[in-house]
Protein backbone atom coordinates (compact mmCIF):
# COMPACT_ATOMS: atom_id res chain seq x y z
CA MET A 1 0.00 0.00 0.00
CA ALA A 2 1.42 3.34 -1.05
CA GLN A 3 2.47 5.63 1.80
CA GLN A 4 0.61 8.93 1.95
CA ALA A 5 2.71 12.05 1.49
CA THR A 6 3.02 14.32 4.50
CA PRO A 7 0.87 17.43 3.95
CA VAL A 8 2.88 20.56 3.24
CA ARG A 9 2.51 23.14 5.99
CA ARG A 10 1.46 26.56 4.79
CA ALA A 11 1.19 29.89 6.51
CA ARG A 12 -2.13 31.68 6.27
CA LEU A 13 -3.89 34.90 7.15
CA GLY A 14 -6.69 34.87 9.68
CA ARG A 15 -10.03 36.48 8.99
CA MET A 16 -10.02 40.24 8.73
CA LEU A 17 -10.57 41.92 12.09
CA GLY A 18 -13.13 44.66 11.95
CA PRO A 19 -15.77 45.49 9.35
CA GLU A 20 -15.38 44.07 5.87
CA GLY A 21 -16.74 45.32 2.57
CA THR A 22 -14.93 48.65 2.36
CA ALA A 23 -12.04 49.46 0.07
CA VAL A 24 -8.71 48.62 1.72
CA SER A 25 -6.15 51.43 1.87
CA GLY A 26 -3.67 49.96 4.34
CA VAL A 27 -2.88 46.64 6.00
CA VAL A 28 -1.66 45.60 9.45
CA LEU A 29 -0.22 42.10 9.74
CA LEU A 30 -0.17 40.88 13.35
CA LEU A 31 2.70 38.53 14.15
CA PRO A 32 2.21 36.53 17.38
CA GLY A 33 4.99 35.19 19.56
CA GLY A 34 6.70 31.84 19.13
CA ASP A 35 9.53 29.67 20.39
CA GLU A 36 13.23 29.82 19.79
CA VAL A 37 13.26 26.21 18.57
CA SER A 38 10.21 24.10 17.76
CA GLY A 39 8.95 21.93 14.92
CA ARG A 40 5.40 21.95 16.24
CA ARG A 41 2.53 23.73 14.56
CA PRO A 42 1.21 26.64 16.62
CA SER A 43 -2.30 26.63 18.02
CA PRO A 44 -4.36 29.04 15.90
CA LEU A 45 -6.57 29.94 18.86
CA LEU A 46 -3.72 30.68 21.25
CA ALA A 47 -1.76 32.60 18.62
CA ALA A 48 -4.72 34.76 17.69
CA ALA A 49 -5.65 35.37 21.34
CA SER A 50 -2.23 36.89 22.06
CA VAL A 51 -2.71 39.68 19.52
CA ARG A 52 -6.47 39.87 18.93
CA GLY A 53 -7.11 42.58 21.54
CA LEU A 54 -4.55 44.88 19.96
CA GLY A 55 -5.82 43.96 16.50
CA ARG A 56 -9.36 44.95 17.39
CA ARG A 57 -8.18 48.30 18.75
CA LEU A 58 -6.31 48.97 15.52
CA ALA A 59 -9.21 47.81 13.34
CA HIS A 60 -11.65 50.04 15.22
CA ALA A 61 -9.35 53.07 15.00
CA GLY A 62 -8.74 52.56 11.27
CA ARG A 63 -12.22 51.53 10.16
CA ASP A 64 -12.94 54.85 8.40
CA GLU A 65 -9.55 54.77 6.68
CA GLY A 66 -9.95 51.35 5.05
CA LEU A 67 -7.63 49.44 7.37
CA ALA A 68 -7.44 45.66 7.01
CA VAL A 69 -6.02 43.81 10.03
CA HIS A 70 -5.03 40.14 9.85
CA VAL A 71 -3.35 37.73 12.24
CA VAL A 72 -0.57 35.72 10.58
CA HIS A 73 -0.73 32.00 11.35
CA TYR A 74 2.75 30.50 11.12
CA ARG A 75 3.69 27.09 9.76
CA TYR A 76 5.81 26.35 12.83
CA ARG A 77 6.08 27.69 16.36
CA GLY A 78 9.86 27.92 16.24
CA TRP A 79 12.25 30.47 14.75
CA ASN A 80 14.71 27.60 14.37
CA GLY A 81 18.06 29.29 13.95
CA SER A 82 19.15 30.22 10.45
CA GLU A 83 15.85 28.95 9.04
CA ALA A 84 14.13 32.03 10.51
CA ARG A 85 10.79 30.45 9.78
CA LEU A 86 8.65 33.12 11.42
CA ALA A 87 10.35 35.84 9.38
CA HIS A 88 9.75 33.88 6.17
CA ASP A 89 6.08 33.53 7.08
CA ALA A 90 5.89 37.28 7.75
CA ALA A 91 7.33 37.97 4.29
CA TRP A 92 4.84 35.52 2.77
CA ALA A 93 2.04 37.38 4.55
CA ALA A 94 3.18 40.67 3.01
CA ASP A 95 3.12 39.00 -0.41
CA GLU A 96 -0.39 37.74 0.31
CA ALA A 97 -1.53 41.22 1.36
CA VAL A 98 -0.32 42.59 -1.97
CA ARG A 99 -2.08 39.76 -3.83
CA ARG A 100 -5.36 40.48 -2.05
CA TYR A 101 -5.36 44.24 -1.80
CA GLY A 102 -2.94 45.56 -4.39
CA ASP A 103 -0.43 48.35 -3.92
CA VAL A 104 -1.28 49.46 -0.37
CA PRO A 105 1.15 50.13 2.50
CA VAL A 106 1.71 47.35 5.01
CA CYS A 107 2.69 47.68 8.67
CA LEU A 108 4.15 44.62 10.41
CA VAL A 109 3.13 44.51 14.08
CA GLY A 110 4.87 41.79 16.07
CA ILE A 111 4.97 40.69 19.70
CA ASP A 112 7.74 38.65 21.37
CA MET A 113 9.28 36.39 18.69
CA GLY A 114 6.84 37.99 16.27
CA GLY A 115 8.54 41.29 17.06
CA ARG A 116 11.79 39.81 15.83
CA ALA A 117 10.01 38.49 12.72
CA ALA A 118 8.57 41.95 12.03
CA LEU A 119 12.01 43.55 12.21
CA ARG A 120 13.63 40.87 10.06
CA ALA A 121 10.90 40.94 7.37
CA GLY A 122 10.67 44.72 7.40
CA GLY A 123 12.63 44.97 4.16
CA HIS A 124 9.75 43.60 2.09
CA GLU A 125 8.94 46.11 -0.64
CA ALA A 126 5.29 46.43 0.45
CA VAL A 127 6.20 47.17 4.08
CA ASN A 128 6.55 50.83 4.99
CA SER A 129 6.64 50.45 8.77
CA VAL A 130 7.35 48.07 11.66
CA LEU A 131 6.02 48.03 15.21
CA SER A 132 7.94 45.59 17.40
CA ILE A 133 6.56 45.02 20.90
CA ALA A 134 8.77 43.33 23.51
CA PRO A 135 10.80 41.68 20.75
CA TRP A 136 12.63 38.47 21.59
CA LEU A 137 16.18 38.88 20.31
CA PRO A 138 19.11 36.47 20.61
CA ASP A 139 21.97 37.17 22.98
CA GLU A 140 24.85 38.90 21.25
CA ASP A 141 27.63 36.48 20.33
CA VAL A 142 30.98 37.60 18.97
CA ALA A 143 31.09 34.41 16.90
CA ALA A 144 27.73 35.08 15.24
CA PRO A 145 26.62 38.02 13.09
CA PRO A 146 24.33 40.50 14.85
CA GLU A 147 20.66 40.82 13.99
CA PRO A 148 20.46 42.66 10.64
CA VAL A 149 19.13 46.20 10.47
CA LYS A 150 19.93 47.33 6.91
CA GLN A 151 16.57 46.03 5.70
CA LEU A 152 14.85 48.67 7.83
CA ALA A 153 16.21 51.57 5.79
CA GLY A 154 13.36 53.69 4.45
CA ARG A 155 10.85 52.29 6.95
CA ARG A 156 9.41 53.90 10.05
CA VAL A 157 10.21 51.73 13.02
CA LEU A 158 8.84 51.78 16.56
CA ILE A 159 10.04 49.42 19.29
CA VAL A 160 8.28 49.17 22.66
CA HIS A 161 9.83 47.30 25.58
CA GLY A 162 9.18 46.91 29.31
CA THR A 163 12.18 47.64 31.50
CA ASN A 164 11.46 44.64 33.75
CA ASP A 165 11.12 42.13 30.91
CA GLU A 166 12.65 38.85 32.10
CA ARG A 167 11.99 36.87 28.90
CA SER A 168 13.50 39.21 26.32
CA ASP A 169 16.29 41.54 27.43
CA PRO A 170 15.26 45.16 26.79
CA GLU A 171 18.90 46.15 26.45
CA LEU A 172 19.14 44.00 23.32
CA SER A 173 16.31 45.89 21.63
CA PHE A 174 17.97 49.18 22.60
CA ARG A 175 21.23 48.11 20.97
CA LEU A 176 19.44 46.98 17.83
CA ALA A 177 17.56 50.27 17.68
CA ALA A 178 20.82 52.19 18.09
CA ARG A 179 22.39 50.35 15.17
CA ALA A 180 19.27 50.84 13.03
CA LYS A 181 19.15 54.57 13.87
CA LYS A 182 22.59 55.09 12.35
CA ALA A 183 21.24 54.21 8.90
CA ASN A 184 17.64 55.29 9.33
CA ARG A 185 16.57 58.37 11.28
CA ASP A 186 12.93 57.15 11.38
CA VAL A 187 13.57 54.75 14.26
CA CYS A 188 12.35 55.28 17.80
CA ARG A 189 11.92 53.19 20.92
CA PHE A 190 9.70 53.59 23.98
CA GLU A 191 10.43 52.13 27.39
CA VAL A 192 7.61 51.04 29.67
CA HIS A 193 9.09 51.46 33.13
CA SER A 194 8.59 48.69 35.68
CA ASP A 195 6.50 46.56 33.31
CA GLY A 196 7.29 43.00 32.29
CA HIS A 197 7.23 41.02 29.08
CA GLY A 198 3.45 41.04 28.63
CA LEU A 199 3.19 44.79 29.31
CA HIS A 200 0.03 44.08 31.31
CA HIS A 201 0.25 47.12 33.59
CA TYR A 202 0.34 49.54 30.66
CA ARG A 203 -1.75 47.59 28.17
CA ASP A 204 -4.00 50.55 27.31
CA GLU A 205 -1.07 52.92 26.86
CA VAL A 206 0.76 50.48 24.59
CA ALA A 207 -2.40 49.99 22.52
CA ALA A 208 -2.88 53.77 22.25
CA LEU A 209 0.74 54.17 21.16
CA ALA A 210 0.24 51.45 18.53
CA VAL A 211 -2.87 53.19 17.19
CA ASP A 212 -1.04 56.53 17.05
CA PHE A 213 1.85 55.00 15.14
CA VAL A 214 -0.21 52.91 12.71
CA LEU A 215 -2.57 55.74 11.74
CA GLY A 216 0.46 57.93 11.13
CA VAL A 217 2.53 55.53 9.05
CA LEU A 218 -0.31 54.07 6.97
CA PHE A 219 -2.66 57.03 6.52
CA GLY A 220 -0.58 60.14 7.12
CA HIS A 221 -2.17 61.22 10.40
CA ALA A 222 0.00 63.53 12.46
CA PHE A 223 1.85 61.67 15.20
CA SER A 224 1.29 62.59 18.83
CA ARG A 225 3.95 64.85 20.32
CA PRO A 226 5.79 62.03 22.16
CA VAL A 227 6.15 60.01 18.96
CA GLU A 228 7.27 63.07 17.00
CA ASP A 229 9.82 63.87 19.68
CA ALA A 230 11.11 60.29 19.83
CA LEU A 231 11.61 60.13 16.07
CA ALA A 232 13.37 63.50 16.00
CA ALA A 233 15.58 63.07 19.07
CA PRO A 234 19.15 61.84 18.63
CA PRO A 235 20.19 58.65 20.37
CA PRO A 236 19.95 57.68 23.08
CA LEU A 237 17.08 60.06 23.92
CA GLY A 238 14.75 58.91 21.15
CA LEU A 239 15.51 55.29 21.92
CA ARG A 240 14.74 55.47 25.65
CA MET A 241 11.58 57.53 25.47
CA PRO A 242 9.39 56.78 28.52
CA LEU A 243 5.80 55.78 27.82
CA ALA A 244 3.82 57.99 30.15
CA ALA A 245 1.03 56.59 32.29
CA GLY A 246 -2.29 57.61 30.75
CA PHE A 247 -0.86 57.98 27.23
CA GLY A 248 -3.76 58.21 24.81
CA LYS A 249 -6.28 59.66 27.29
CA SER A 250 -5.23 63.23 26.66
CA LEU A 251 -5.52 65.12 23.37
CA ARG A 252 -3.37 63.68 20.59
CA ARG A 253 -1.71 67.02 20.07
């Protein structure tokens, strides 16, 4: 009896968050977290749950602008060293966004290992911006090349990291941002003081910051003053910008 071939794993986009039926003018691709090494397939429900709240906030804020928000479902849970599977799936998702919606700007929004995937895949020609939240980055090793940053040239990049993150070292994201800033002035980084990896204490502020950034990069809205200042400030000031408690509750400008 002939042996059945193992099905080929494919990445896919989840259903659009928010209202459908309107013309799409910009796309957010949500990249959930993952593992450093794993050959297992991620749980679609768990992956979507980790980013759905933020996705709904973004979809609601961009509904009048024609914003399409999708969760990216990876083929594998693991980054898996040089295979960089999550980054490849993020690039595939950008291709799929172009196939579905045409020539519209794409913002990659990643959390944890998805934050690393967003940064790595940020060089895709359809991507004009990257939002990386609590990105998991590998420890620096003199024997290994550092995380690349050249692909971020020409993109607007925002990194957000809790200062008490015990899963992903915030100092690593600062160093990456500093290297990226040398080649691209449109890089900024916000620090969430005394918050951990999940940024639970400042969840609303982080979501408001994400909305501010996404509406600016995809639809040309004016950034709030803190984001403007962070983008304009030289390092290290613009890379250690504190996220103020209550951000988003006051007037945008």
